[in-house]
Amino acid sequence: MIQRGDVVIVDIPFTDVARSKARPAIIVQNDRDNVRLRKTIVILITGNLKRLGDPSHFLIDPGTPDGVSAGIHGPSAASCNNLFVIEQTKIQQVVGHLSDVLKQQLNDCLKAALAIV
């Protein structure tokens, strides 16, 4: 069973829906709905660190105690303005889980991306 804060590898479609690519993502949907629904909400993780100053992005650095549990290989940006609803069957594997510190950054990042006060 997937949980909010899990770092997963998912099959994300390109603009051309006939093609897709396996990408790291974070489960952001609540656990109650992750159990009862076939779909879940994720945000993408990218190795492109250019937008880290933007409040809708946060750093996951596996070289830090908080970042190591995420299960990614190098410093990456979680992009809260790249939300996707996917079928849970598109999740290829769970590779890690966000620490409590990174979960708080996720919450702050989602608030900024969605303009929630």
Protein backbone atom coordinates (compact mmCIF):
# COMPACT_ATOMS: atom_id res chain seq x y z
CA MET A 1 0.00 0.00 0.00
CA ILE A 2 1.32 3.43 -0.91
CA GLN A 3 1.40 6.26 1.61
CA ARG A 4 1.60 10.04 1.45
CA GLY A 5 5.27 10.97 1.33
CA ASP A 6 6.38 7.83 -0.50
CA VAL A 7 8.95 8.40 -3.22
CA VAL A 8 7.98 6.25 -6.18
CA ILE A 9 8.95 5.53 -9.76
CA VAL A 10 5.95 6.16 -12.01
CA ASP A 11 5.18 5.91 -15.68
CA ILE A 12 4.38 9.53 -16.64
CA PRO A 13 2.99 10.23 -20.13
CA PHE A 14 4.56 12.85 -22.35
CA THR A 15 2.32 15.36 -24.13
CA ASP A 16 2.03 12.64 -26.78
CA VAL A 17 0.07 10.08 -24.75
CA ALA A 18 1.44 7.20 -26.81
CA ARG A 19 4.82 7.65 -25.10
CA SER A 20 5.81 7.77 -21.48
CA LYS A 21 8.87 7.78 -19.25
CA ALA A 22 9.63 6.33 -15.83
CA ARG A 23 10.19 9.24 -13.44
CA PRO A 24 10.58 9.71 -9.68
CA ALA A 25 7.60 11.28 -7.95
CA ILE A 26 6.16 11.83 -4.48
CA ILE A 27 2.72 10.65 -3.37
CA VAL A 28 0.87 13.74 -2.09
CA GLN A 29 -2.67 12.37 -1.82
CA ASN A 30 -3.95 11.53 1.68
CA ASP A 31 -3.64 7.95 2.92
CA ARG A 32 -7.40 7.42 3.30
CA ASP A 33 -7.93 8.08 -0.41
CA ASN A 34 -4.83 6.11 -1.37
CA VAL A 35 -6.54 3.03 0.12
CA ARG A 36 -10.02 3.53 -1.29
CA LEU A 37 -9.33 5.03 -4.75
CA ARG A 38 -7.59 3.57 -7.81
CA LYS A 39 -5.91 6.89 -8.58
CA THR A 40 -3.49 9.01 -6.59
CA ILE A 41 -1.93 12.47 -6.83
CA VAL A 42 1.81 12.84 -7.27
CA ILE A 43 4.35 15.60 -7.82
CA LEU A 44 7.39 15.10 -10.00
CA ILE A 45 11.02 15.07 -8.91
CA THR A 46 13.65 16.45 -11.28
CA GLY A 47 17.41 16.69 -11.37
CA ASN A 48 17.06 20.23 -12.73
CA LEU A 49 17.80 22.45 -9.73
CA LYS A 50 17.31 25.82 -11.49
CA ARG A 51 13.98 26.62 -9.80
CA LEU A 52 14.92 25.82 -6.20
CA GLY A 53 14.53 29.47 -5.19
CA ASP A 54 10.85 29.26 -6.14
CA PRO A 55 8.59 28.50 -3.14
CA SER A 56 6.80 25.82 -5.21
CA HIS A 57 10.01 23.71 -5.25
CA PHE A 58 12.10 22.12 -2.52
CA LEU A 59 15.43 20.30 -2.40
CA ILE A 60 15.86 16.62 -1.69
CA ASP A 61 19.55 15.99 -1.05
CA PRO A 62 20.48 12.35 -0.42
CA GLY A 63 23.74 13.59 1.10
CA THR A 64 21.82 14.84 4.16
CA PRO A 65 20.25 12.81 7.00
CA ASP A 66 16.74 13.92 5.92
CA GLY A 67 17.35 13.30 2.23
CA VAL A 68 18.84 9.81 2.48
CA SER A 69 15.47 8.15 3.26
CA ALA A 70 13.98 9.47 -0.01
CA GLY A 71 15.85 6.82 -1.97
CA ILE A 72 17.02 9.05 -4.81
CA HIS A 73 20.57 9.07 -6.18
CA GLY A 74 21.47 12.75 -6.43
CA PRO A 75 20.32 16.21 -5.35
CA SER A 76 16.89 16.79 -6.86
CA ALA A 77 14.06 19.30 -6.84
CA ALA A 78 10.51 18.33 -5.97
CA SER A 79 8.22 20.42 -8.13
CA CYS A 80 4.87 21.11 -6.50
CA ASN A 81 3.58 22.90 -9.57
CA ASN A 82 3.80 19.63 -11.53
CA LEU A 83 0.85 17.74 -10.07
CA PHE A 84 -0.38 14.60 -11.80
CA VAL A 85 -3.29 12.27 -11.13
CA ILE A 86 -2.22 8.76 -12.03
CA GLU A 87 -3.56 5.24 -11.81
CA GLN A 88 -1.86 3.50 -8.90
CA THR A 89 -1.05 0.69 -11.33
CA LYS A 90 1.41 3.11 -13.02
CA ILE A 91 3.59 3.01 -9.89
CA GLN A 92 6.52 0.76 -10.74
CA GLN A 93 8.13 0.76 -7.30
CA VAL A 94 8.48 2.60 -4.01
CA VAL A 95 12.11 3.70 -3.58
CA GLY A 96 11.89 5.70 -0.35
CA HIS A 97 9.88 7.91 1.95
CA LEU A 98 10.20 11.57 2.94
CA SER A 99 11.42 12.39 6.44
CA ASP A 100 9.17 14.48 8.68
CA VAL A 101 11.28 17.56 7.85
CA LEU A 102 10.85 17.00 4.11
CA LYS A 103 7.12 16.32 4.56
CA GLN A 104 6.79 19.75 6.17
CA GLN A 105 8.66 21.27 3.22
CA LEU A 106 6.28 19.38 0.91
CA ASN A 107 3.28 20.87 2.74
CA ASP A 108 4.74 24.39 2.53
CA CYS A 109 5.58 23.90 -1.14
CA LEU A 110 2.05 22.70 -1.99
CA LYS A 111 0.57 25.67 -0.14
CA ALA A 112 2.75 28.03 -2.20
CA ALA A 113 1.98 26.29 -5.50
CA LEU A 114 -1.77 26.27 -4.84
CA ALA A 115 -1.92 29.69 -3.12
CA ILE A 116 -3.37 28.20 0.08
CA VAL A 117 -3.09 30.51 3.06
